[in-house]
Amino acid sequence: MQKLPFCPAEKLREIASVCPTPFHLYDEQGIRLTARRVREAFSWNPGFREYFAVKANPNPHILSILKGEGCGVDCASLTELMLAQAVGFRGEEIMFSSNMTPGEEYRLARKMGVIVNLDDITHIDFLKENGGIPEKICLRYNPGGELHIGNTTMGHPWDAKYGLTRPQIFRAIRLLQAEGVKQFGLHTLLASNSTDQAYYPTIAKMLFKLAKEAHEMIGAEFFMINLSGGIGIPYRPQETSADIFEISREVQKLFAEMIAPSGMNVNIASELGRYMTGPHGCLVATAIHEKHIYKEYIGLDACAANLMRPAIYGAYHHITVAGKENLPNDHIYDVVGSLCENNDKFAVDRPLPKIEIGDLVVIHDTGAHGYSMGYNYNGKLRSAEILLHPDGTFDRIRRAEAPKDYFATLDETEFYEKLVNQTEVDK
């Protein structure tokens, strides 16, 4: 089956002539359309908000696009909070969902007036000492046991380090009520990259039931139920996308049955990352080597430092050779990078057209957890990021790292001047 890039080969060559490979390329139009679909799907809930998971793509230009489409952001660290603030997100447009959280991060979150999503009951006293307890707060729930959707077991929440148990949720609510909390939110994240239509409705039913019981038993008022992320994308050509409208209709039915009769004014929230931007990004690299030993290898100028998922998860990312989309996939390659690690492979035994040195290779679906998971192992430098606008123009929204960036944190050592001067000479 075919899976074509969002950017045609001619445009890719134009961009590469200005911005050398490797680079991550993002499709502004695709991101905007997805944000609008999500907002439209949940329009039955007037207070609905999508809190984009910043960890998926922390480029401020991408965050700004999503802000313009009415999204909020979900942050999990000090620097993500700083990014959100710089882009212009304010107050309850931001959720702070961290774990094992340092005090300075809670202090900044409280100073910014964001929605704090507590991950553990012991964090109540810690937050009280680091910023104080707000009048509205969210609690992250871990139900334990197994998560079943249809006939599929999707995982064991008891193995996850996140969230409070059911007894802890009730105890935490009582403790927080005594501290002056007036309204609560509930949140959970129990799966990743699920394209099962039943995932969100299953989560919704569980959280709606918990909220209803807490409301009836201990008088807890809920302002938000956050279904979190977990909705996946079709990485493989034969996979189908999740239908966000059908998912939302099922959640709406449950809301009408379980929440509406309580009289609580509950806002539904999502915390999507991969679904929002994943399909709207790709890693563009150049074939620079070929190797013929026991297998056939194609070496790229990109490596796992630019896209970590295949190396650490064995994750599948589709590959297209620009300009050869309609040629037969009659060669079998391992497509690899240059790290001194044997897991630095974008594809293993992948059928592709014949690849020649200089060909542009497009690795699909890197718009989430692509650049953001990059690292500097082997002294590799992270790539540029390019934004393709709807009118066909493009901008570099992050330059590629240079050696001076890699050496920057040695500025207090005797080696710094030598290293920086060397990189300047090498230019």
Protein backbone atom coordinates (compact mmCIF):
# COMPACT_ATOMS: atom_id res chain seq x y z
CA MET A 1 0.00 0.00 0.00
CA GLN A 2 1.09 3.56 -0.73
CA LYS A 3 1.75 6.17 1.92
CA LEU A 4 2.81 9.42 0.35
CA PRO A 5 4.60 12.32 2.07
CA PHE A 6 2.64 15.54 2.59
CA CYS A 7 5.39 17.35 0.66
CA PRO A 8 6.16 16.43 -2.98
CA ALA A 9 9.67 15.60 -4.12
CA GLU A 10 10.15 18.86 -6.02
CA LYS A 11 9.39 20.95 -2.94
CA LEU A 12 11.63 18.73 -0.79
CA ARG A 13 14.52 19.33 -3.17
CA GLU A 14 13.85 23.07 -3.07
CA ILE A 15 13.90 23.10 0.71
CA ALA A 16 17.04 20.92 0.86
CA SER A 17 18.84 23.32 -1.47
CA VAL A 18 18.35 26.07 1.13
CA CYS A 19 18.40 24.03 4.36
CA PRO A 20 20.81 21.09 4.16
CA THR A 21 19.60 17.69 5.37
CA PRO A 22 18.85 16.25 7.78
CA PHE A 23 15.87 18.29 8.95
CA HIS A 24 12.44 17.75 10.41
CA LEU A 25 9.72 19.23 8.21
CA TYR A 26 6.25 20.14 9.53
CA ASP A 27 3.02 20.73 7.63
CA GLU A 28 1.26 23.79 9.07
CA GLN A 29 -1.97 23.13 7.17
CA GLY A 30 -2.20 19.55 8.41
CA ILE A 31 -1.67 20.61 12.02
CA ARG A 32 -4.36 23.29 11.77
CA LEU A 33 -6.88 20.95 10.16
CA THR A 34 -6.36 18.29 12.82
CA ALA A 35 -6.78 20.85 15.62
CA ARG A 36 -10.03 22.01 14.03
CA ARG A 37 -11.34 18.46 13.69
CA VAL A 38 -10.71 17.75 17.36
CA ARG A 39 -12.38 20.99 18.43
CA GLU A 40 -15.38 20.33 16.17
CA ALA A 41 -15.72 16.73 17.36
CA PHE A 42 -16.06 17.82 21.00
CA SER A 43 -18.06 20.99 20.35
CA TRP A 44 -21.02 19.42 22.19
CA ASN A 45 -19.13 20.26 25.40
CA PRO A 46 -18.90 24.08 25.57
CA GLY A 47 -15.87 24.10 27.86
CA PHE A 48 -13.88 21.50 25.93
CA ARG A 49 -10.17 22.19 25.52
CA GLU A 50 -7.37 20.24 23.90
CA TYR A 51 -4.20 20.57 25.99
CA PHE A 52 -1.47 19.73 23.50
CA ALA A 53 1.28 17.63 25.11
CA VAL A 54 4.33 19.87 24.75
CA LYS A 55 6.68 16.90 25.12
CA ALA A 56 5.51 15.71 21.69
CA ASN A 57 6.80 18.79 19.87
CA PRO A 58 8.21 21.64 21.98
CA ASN A 59 8.89 24.10 19.17
CA PRO A 60 7.31 27.49 20.04
CA HIS A 61 6.24 28.02 16.43
CA ILE A 62 4.21 24.80 16.53
CA LEU A 63 2.77 25.75 19.92
CA SER A 64 1.82 29.15 18.52
CA ILE A 65 -0.08 27.53 15.64
CA LEU A 66 -2.02 25.39 18.10
CA LYS A 67 -2.71 28.36 20.33
CA GLY A 68 -4.21 30.13 17.34
CA GLU A 69 -6.52 27.13 16.88
CA GLY A 70 -7.82 27.40 20.45
CA CYS A 71 -5.68 24.74 22.08
CA GLY A 72 -4.08 24.84 25.49
CA VAL A 73 -0.90 23.01 26.45
CA ASP A 74 0.07 20.27 28.86
CA CYS A 75 3.50 20.79 30.42
CA ALA A 76 5.62 18.39 32.44
CA SER A 77 8.73 20.40 33.34
CA LEU A 78 10.10 23.83 34.17
CA THR A 79 11.27 24.53 30.63
CA GLU A 80 7.95 23.44 29.12
CA LEU A 81 6.17 25.89 31.44
CA MET A 82 8.62 28.59 30.30
CA LEU A 83 7.91 27.76 26.64
CA ALA A 84 4.16 27.96 27.21
CA GLN A 85 4.48 31.32 28.91
CA ALA A 86 6.73 32.70 26.14
CA VAL A 87 4.21 31.68 23.47
CA GLY A 88 1.44 33.49 25.36
CA PHE A 89 -0.50 30.72 27.08
CA ARG A 90 -1.91 31.92 30.38
CA GLY A 91 -3.53 30.50 33.50
CA GLU A 92 -5.96 27.66 32.87
CA GLU A 93 -4.86 27.37 29.26
CA ILE A 94 -1.97 25.39 30.76
CA MET A 95 -2.01 22.08 32.61
CA PHE A 96 1.02 21.00 34.60
CA SER A 97 1.15 17.19 34.69
CA SER A 98 4.51 16.16 36.10
CA ASN A 99 5.70 13.43 38.43
CA MET A 100 8.43 13.33 41.08
CA THR A 101 8.24 17.09 40.69
CA PRO A 102 11.00 19.42 41.98
CA GLY A 103 9.82 22.26 44.21
CA GLU A 104 10.90 25.02 41.81
CA GLU A 105 8.61 23.61 39.14
CA TYR A 106 5.57 23.67 41.41
CA ARG A 107 6.46 27.20 42.49
CA LEU A 108 6.56 28.42 38.90
CA ALA A 109 3.32 26.59 38.08
CA ARG A 110 1.55 28.26 40.99
CA LYS A 111 2.99 31.65 40.09
CA MET A 112 1.62 31.21 36.56
CA GLY A 113 -1.82 30.15 37.86
CA VAL A 114 -1.95 26.98 35.76
CA ILE A 115 -4.03 23.87 36.48
CA VAL A 116 -1.88 21.60 38.62
CA ASN A 117 -2.40 17.88 38.03
CA LEU A 118 -1.17 16.08 41.16
CA ASP A 119 0.45 12.72 40.55
CA ASP A 120 0.67 11.48 44.14
CA ILE A 121 -1.04 11.96 47.49
CA THR A 122 2.29 12.90 49.12
CA HIS A 123 2.52 15.84 46.75
CA ILE A 124 -0.28 17.62 48.61
CA ASP A 125 2.01 18.67 51.46
CA PHE A 126 4.89 19.20 49.03
CA LEU A 127 2.78 21.55 46.89
CA LYS A 128 1.56 23.33 50.03
CA GLU A 129 5.20 24.09 50.85
CA ASN A 130 6.11 24.98 47.25
CA GLY A 131 3.63 27.49 45.92
CA GLY A 132 0.55 26.66 47.95
CA ILE A 133 -2.73 24.81 47.33
CA PRO A 134 -5.05 26.42 44.74
CA GLU A 135 -8.85 26.43 44.87
CA LYS A 136 -9.01 24.25 41.74
CA ILE A 137 -6.82 21.21 41.30
CA CYS A 138 -6.66 18.03 39.24
CA LEU A 139 -5.81 14.49 40.39
CA ARG A 140 -4.23 11.79 38.25
CA TYR A 141 -5.86 8.38 38.66
CA ASN A 142 -4.26 4.94 38.36
CA PRO A 143 -6.92 2.19 38.54
CA GLY A 144 -4.45 -0.70 38.84
CA GLY A 145 -5.36 -4.09 37.40
CA GLU A 146 -5.53 -4.63 33.68
CA LEU A 147 -6.96 -2.26 31.10
CA HIS A 148 -9.34 -4.18 28.85
CA ILE A 149 -10.87 -2.74 25.69
CA GLY A 150 -13.06 -5.22 23.91
CA ASN A 151 -11.07 -8.45 23.90
CA THR A 152 -7.73 -6.67 24.10
CA THR A 153 -5.59 -6.21 27.17
CA MET A 154 -3.81 -2.91 26.64
CA GLY A 155 -1.53 -2.96 29.63
CA HIS A 156 -1.16 -3.19 33.37
CA PRO A 157 -1.64 0.18 35.07
CA TRP A 158 -0.17 -1.23 38.29
CA ASP A 159 3.22 -1.27 36.52
CA ALA A 160 3.03 2.47 35.79
CA LYS A 161 4.65 4.95 38.16
CA TYR A 162 1.86 7.48 37.60
CA GLY A 163 -1.24 8.40 39.53
CA LEU A 164 -3.22 7.76 42.73
CA THR A 165 -5.14 4.62 43.63
CA ARG A 166 -8.90 4.77 44.10
CA PRO A 167 -8.70 4.93 47.94
CA GLN A 168 -6.03 7.62 47.62
CA ILE A 169 -8.25 9.68 45.31
CA PHE A 170 -11.00 9.85 47.96
CA ARG A 171 -8.51 10.56 50.74
CA ALA A 172 -6.77 13.23 48.66
CA ILE A 173 -10.09 14.96 47.93
CA ARG A 174 -10.89 15.12 51.64
CA LEU A 175 -7.41 16.46 52.47
CA LEU A 176 -7.63 19.06 49.72
CA GLN A 177 -11.14 20.12 50.71
CA ALA A 178 -9.73 20.79 54.18
CA GLU A 179 -7.07 22.97 52.50
CA GLY A 180 -9.75 25.05 50.77
CA VAL A 181 -10.01 23.38 47.38
CA LYS A 182 -13.42 24.07 45.87
CA GLN A 183 -13.29 22.21 42.54
CA PHE A 184 -11.51 19.13 41.24
CA GLY A 185 -10.41 17.62 37.97
CA LEU A 186 -9.70 13.98 37.12
CA HIS A 187 -7.10 12.73 34.66
CA THR A 188 -5.60 9.41 33.59
CA LEU A 189 -3.34 8.08 30.85
CA LEU A 190 -3.40 4.31 30.45
CA ALA A 191 -2.30 3.64 26.88
CA SER A 192 -0.10 5.04 24.16
CA ASN A 193 -0.77 5.13 20.43
CA SER A 194 -4.12 3.35 20.54
CA THR A 195 -6.19 3.45 17.37
CA ASP A 196 -8.93 1.41 19.05
CA GLN A 197 -12.16 3.41 18.88
CA ALA A 198 -13.13 2.14 22.34
CA TYR A 199 -10.13 3.58 24.20
CA TYR A 200 -11.45 7.07 25.00
CA PRO A 201 -14.99 5.85 25.81
CA THR A 202 -13.48 3.25 28.18
CA ILE A 203 -11.44 5.94 29.93
CA ALA A 204 -14.43 8.30 30.00
CA LYS A 205 -16.71 5.70 31.60
CA MET A 206 -14.11 4.98 34.29
CA LEU A 207 -13.50 8.64 35.15
CA PHE A 208 -17.17 9.64 34.95
CA LYS A 209 -18.02 6.83 37.41
CA LEU A 210 -15.27 7.93 39.80
CA ALA A 211 -16.35 11.59 39.63
CA LYS A 212 -20.01 10.69 40.14
CA GLU A 213 -19.19 8.58 43.22
CA ALA A 214 -16.91 11.24 44.72
CA HIS A 215 -19.59 13.87 44.13
CA GLU A 216 -22.31 11.79 45.77
CA MET A 217 -20.25 10.36 48.64
CA ILE A 218 -18.09 13.29 49.75
CA GLY A 219 -19.52 16.30 47.95
CA ALA A 220 -16.65 16.80 45.52
CA GLU A 221 -17.41 19.29 42.75
CA PHE A 222 -15.69 18.60 39.44
CA PHE A 223 -14.86 21.26 36.87
CA MET A 224 -12.93 19.04 34.42
CA ILE A 225 -12.41 15.48 33.34
CA ASN A 226 -9.29 15.11 31.22
CA LEU A 227 -9.28 12.02 29.01
CA SER A 228 -5.58 12.69 28.40
CA GLY A 229 -3.72 11.36 25.35
CA GLY A 230 -3.26 7.88 24.00
CA ILE A 231 -5.12 8.21 20.70
CA GLY A 232 -2.67 6.98 18.11
CA ILE A 233 -1.89 7.40 14.44
CA PRO A 234 -1.47 4.87 11.61
CA TYR A 235 2.29 4.52 11.24
CA ARG A 236 1.93 1.66 8.76
CA PRO A 237 0.22 2.12 5.39
CA GLN A 238 -2.33 -0.64 6.04
CA GLU A 239 -3.44 0.85 9.37
CA THR A 240 -6.49 3.10 9.67
CA SER A 241 -6.85 6.34 11.58
CA ALA A 242 -8.95 6.65 14.69
CA ASP A 243 -12.28 8.38 13.96
CA ILE A 244 -12.28 11.30 16.39
CA PHE A 245 -15.93 12.11 15.65
CA GLU A 246 -17.13 8.58 16.43
CA ILE A 247 -14.98 8.52 19.56
CA SER A 248 -16.47 11.82 20.71
CA ARG A 249 -20.04 10.65 20.06
CA GLU A 250 -19.50 7.68 22.38
CA VAL A 251 -18.03 9.93 25.07
CA GLN A 252 -21.02 12.28 24.68
CA LYS A 253 -23.47 9.42 25.28
CA LEU A 254 -21.67 8.46 28.48
CA PHE A 255 -21.55 12.08 29.61
CA ALA A 256 -25.32 12.41 29.14
CA GLU A 257 -25.95 9.23 31.13
CA MET A 258 -23.44 9.68 33.95
CA ILE A 259 -22.47 13.34 34.43
CA ALA A 260 -25.30 15.52 33.15
CA PRO A 261 -27.83 14.25 35.77
CA SER A 262 -25.47 15.34 38.57
CA GLY A 263 -25.87 19.00 37.59
CA MET A 264 -22.09 19.53 37.65
CA ASN A 265 -20.66 21.86 35.00
CA VAL A 266 -17.85 19.57 33.82
CA ASN A 267 -15.50 20.48 31.01
CA ILE A 268 -14.09 17.65 28.93
CA ALA A 269 -10.40 17.93 28.06
CA SER A 270 -7.95 15.96 25.96
CA GLU A 271 -4.19 15.95 26.05
CA LEU A 272 -3.21 14.76 22.61
CA GLY A 273 0.29 15.01 21.24
CA ARG A 274 0.98 12.31 18.71
CA TYR A 275 -2.52 12.60 17.19
CA MET A 276 -2.20 16.37 16.76
CA THR A 277 1.19 16.65 15.09
CA GLY A 278 2.61 13.17 14.48
CA PRO A 279 1.41 12.66 10.88
CA HIS A 280 2.27 16.25 10.01
CA GLY A 281 6.02 15.91 10.33
CA CYS A 282 8.75 13.96 8.57
CA LEU A 283 12.50 13.58 8.85
CA VAL A 284 14.21 14.33 5.56
CA ALA A 285 17.69 12.88 5.08
CA THR A 286 20.12 12.17 2.27
CA ALA A 287 21.55 8.79 1.31
CA ILE A 288 25.32 9.24 1.65
CA HIS A 289 26.64 5.65 1.77
CA GLU A 290 25.81 2.15 0.65
CA LYS A 291 27.29 -1.05 2.03
CA HIS A 292 27.19 -4.58 0.65
CA ILE A 293 28.12 -7.29 3.15
CA TYR A 294 25.79 -9.93 4.58
CA LYS A 295 22.97 -7.48 4.07
CA GLU A 296 22.38 -4.41 1.94
CA TYR A 297 22.71 -1.14 3.86
CA ILE A 298 21.88 2.45 3.02
CA GLY A 299 23.55 5.01 5.28
CA LEU A 300 21.86 8.36 5.86
CA ASP A 301 23.18 11.69 7.09
CA ALA A 302 20.58 11.34 9.89
CA CYS A 303 20.82 8.92 12.79
CA ALA A 304 18.96 7.86 15.93
CA ALA A 305 19.94 11.20 17.50
CA ASN A 306 17.43 12.72 15.05
CA LEU A 307 14.73 10.06 15.52
CA MET A 308 15.05 7.80 18.52
CA ARG A 309 11.85 5.74 18.33
CA PRO A 310 13.04 2.94 16.00
CA ALA A 311 16.20 2.43 18.06
CA ILE A 312 14.57 2.26 21.50
CA TYR A 313 11.12 0.85 20.69
CA GLY A 314 11.67 -0.98 17.43
CA ALA A 315 9.01 1.42 16.18
CA TYR A 316 7.95 1.35 12.55
CA HIS A 317 8.23 4.54 10.50
CA HIS A 318 7.32 4.37 6.84
CA ILE A 319 10.00 5.44 4.36
CA THR A 320 9.62 7.04 0.96
CA VAL A 321 12.41 7.77 -1.49
CA ALA A 322 11.59 11.20 -2.90
CA GLY A 323 10.76 11.06 -6.61
CA LYS A 324 10.59 7.25 -6.60
CA GLU A 325 7.14 6.91 -5.05
CA ASN A 326 5.79 4.93 -8.01
CA LEU A 327 8.75 2.62 -8.55
CA PRO A 328 8.59 -0.99 -7.39
CA ASN A 329 9.94 -1.81 -3.93
CA ASP A 330 12.27 -4.47 -5.33
CA HIS A 331 15.29 -3.95 -3.07
CA ILE A 332 15.66 -4.96 0.57
CA TYR A 333 17.65 -2.58 2.77
CA ASP A 334 18.57 -1.83 6.33
CA VAL A 335 18.38 1.98 6.45
CA VAL A 336 20.84 3.15 9.08
CA GLY A 337 22.65 6.08 10.63
CA SER A 338 26.23 6.63 11.74
CA LEU A 339 26.06 6.12 15.51
CA CYS A 340 28.43 3.61 17.09
CA GLU A 341 25.43 1.51 18.11
CA ASN A 342 23.95 -1.36 16.15
CA ASN A 343 20.38 -0.30 16.99
CA ASP A 344 20.86 2.90 14.95
CA LYS A 345 18.50 1.63 12.27
CA PHE A 346 15.48 3.42 10.84
CA ALA A 347 14.36 0.26 9.06
CA VAL A 348 15.41 -3.39 8.93
CA ASP A 349 14.85 -5.57 5.86
CA ARG A 350 12.65 -2.87 4.36
CA PRO A 351 11.45 -3.29 0.73
CA LEU A 352 12.23 -0.03 -1.09
CA PRO A 353 13.04 1.17 -4.59
CA LYS A 354 16.70 1.13 -5.55
CA ILE A 355 18.35 3.94 -3.57
CA GLU A 356 21.24 5.86 -5.07
CA ILE A 357 23.70 8.12 -3.32
CA GLY A 358 22.22 11.61 -3.10
CA ASP A 359 18.59 10.48 -2.98
CA LEU A 360 16.37 12.25 -0.48
CA VAL A 361 14.84 9.79 1.96
CA VAL A 362 11.63 10.77 3.77
CA ILE A 363 10.90 9.12 7.13
CA HIS A 364 7.21 9.61 7.88
CA ASP A 365 5.25 10.56 11.00
CA THR A 366 7.96 12.33 13.00
CA GLY A 367 5.85 15.35 13.96
CA ALA A 368 5.55 14.05 17.53
CA HIS A 369 8.29 12.45 19.62
CA GLY A 370 10.75 13.01 16.79
CA TYR A 371 12.99 16.02 17.27
CA SER A 372 11.86 16.29 20.88
CA MET A 373 13.50 12.97 21.80
CA GLY A 374 16.79 13.92 20.18
CA TYR A 375 20.06 13.67 22.02
CA ASN A 376 23.81 14.22 21.56
CA TYR A 377 25.27 10.74 21.94
CA ASN A 378 28.50 10.33 19.94
CA GLY A 379 28.62 14.11 19.81
CA LYS A 380 25.90 14.13 17.18
CA LEU A 381 24.22 17.48 16.62
CA ARG A 382 20.46 17.86 16.40
CA SER A 383 18.94 18.90 13.11
CA ALA A 384 17.07 21.96 11.93
CA GLU A 385 13.28 22.19 11.93
CA ILE A 386 11.40 23.61 8.95
CA LEU A 387 7.77 24.72 8.76
CA LEU A 388 5.94 24.36 5.45
CA HIS A 389 3.16 26.93 5.13
CA PRO A 390 -0.14 26.35 3.28
CA ASP A 391 0.96 28.62 0.41
CA GLY A 392 4.07 26.52 -0.25
CA THR A 393 6.55 28.88 1.39
CA PHE A 394 8.68 27.61 4.25
CA ASP A 395 10.66 28.91 7.20
CA ARG A 396 13.42 27.50 9.32
CA ILE A 397 11.93 27.51 12.81
CA ARG A 398 14.98 26.08 14.52
CA ARG A 399 18.52 26.07 13.19
CA ALA A 400 20.64 22.96 13.32
CA GLU A 401 22.97 22.67 16.27
CA ALA A 402 26.59 23.63 15.76
CA PRO A 403 29.66 22.36 17.67
CA LYS A 404 29.56 25.54 19.76
CA ASP A 405 26.16 24.45 21.09
CA TYR A 406 27.49 21.05 22.08
CA PHE A 407 30.41 22.67 23.92
CA ALA A 408 28.39 25.52 25.46
CA THR A 409 28.09 24.01 28.92
CA LEU A 410 31.87 23.71 29.18
CA ASP A 411 32.09 27.50 29.42
CA GLU A 412 33.37 27.33 32.99
CA THR A 413 36.28 25.05 32.11
CA GLU A 414 39.74 25.70 30.68
CA PHE A 415 38.84 23.81 27.49
CA TYR A 416 36.02 26.08 26.34
CA GLU A 417 38.04 28.76 24.52
CA LYS A 418 40.10 26.16 22.68
CA LEU A 419 37.00 24.29 21.54
CA VAL A 420 35.10 27.41 20.46
CA ASN A 421 38.12 28.85 18.67
CA GLN A 422 38.57 25.55 16.88
CA THR A 423 35.00 25.50 15.66
CA GLU A 424 35.34 29.09 14.45
CA VAL A 425 38.52 28.24 12.48
CA ASP A 426 36.89 25.17 10.96
CA LYS A 427 34.20 27.35 9.42
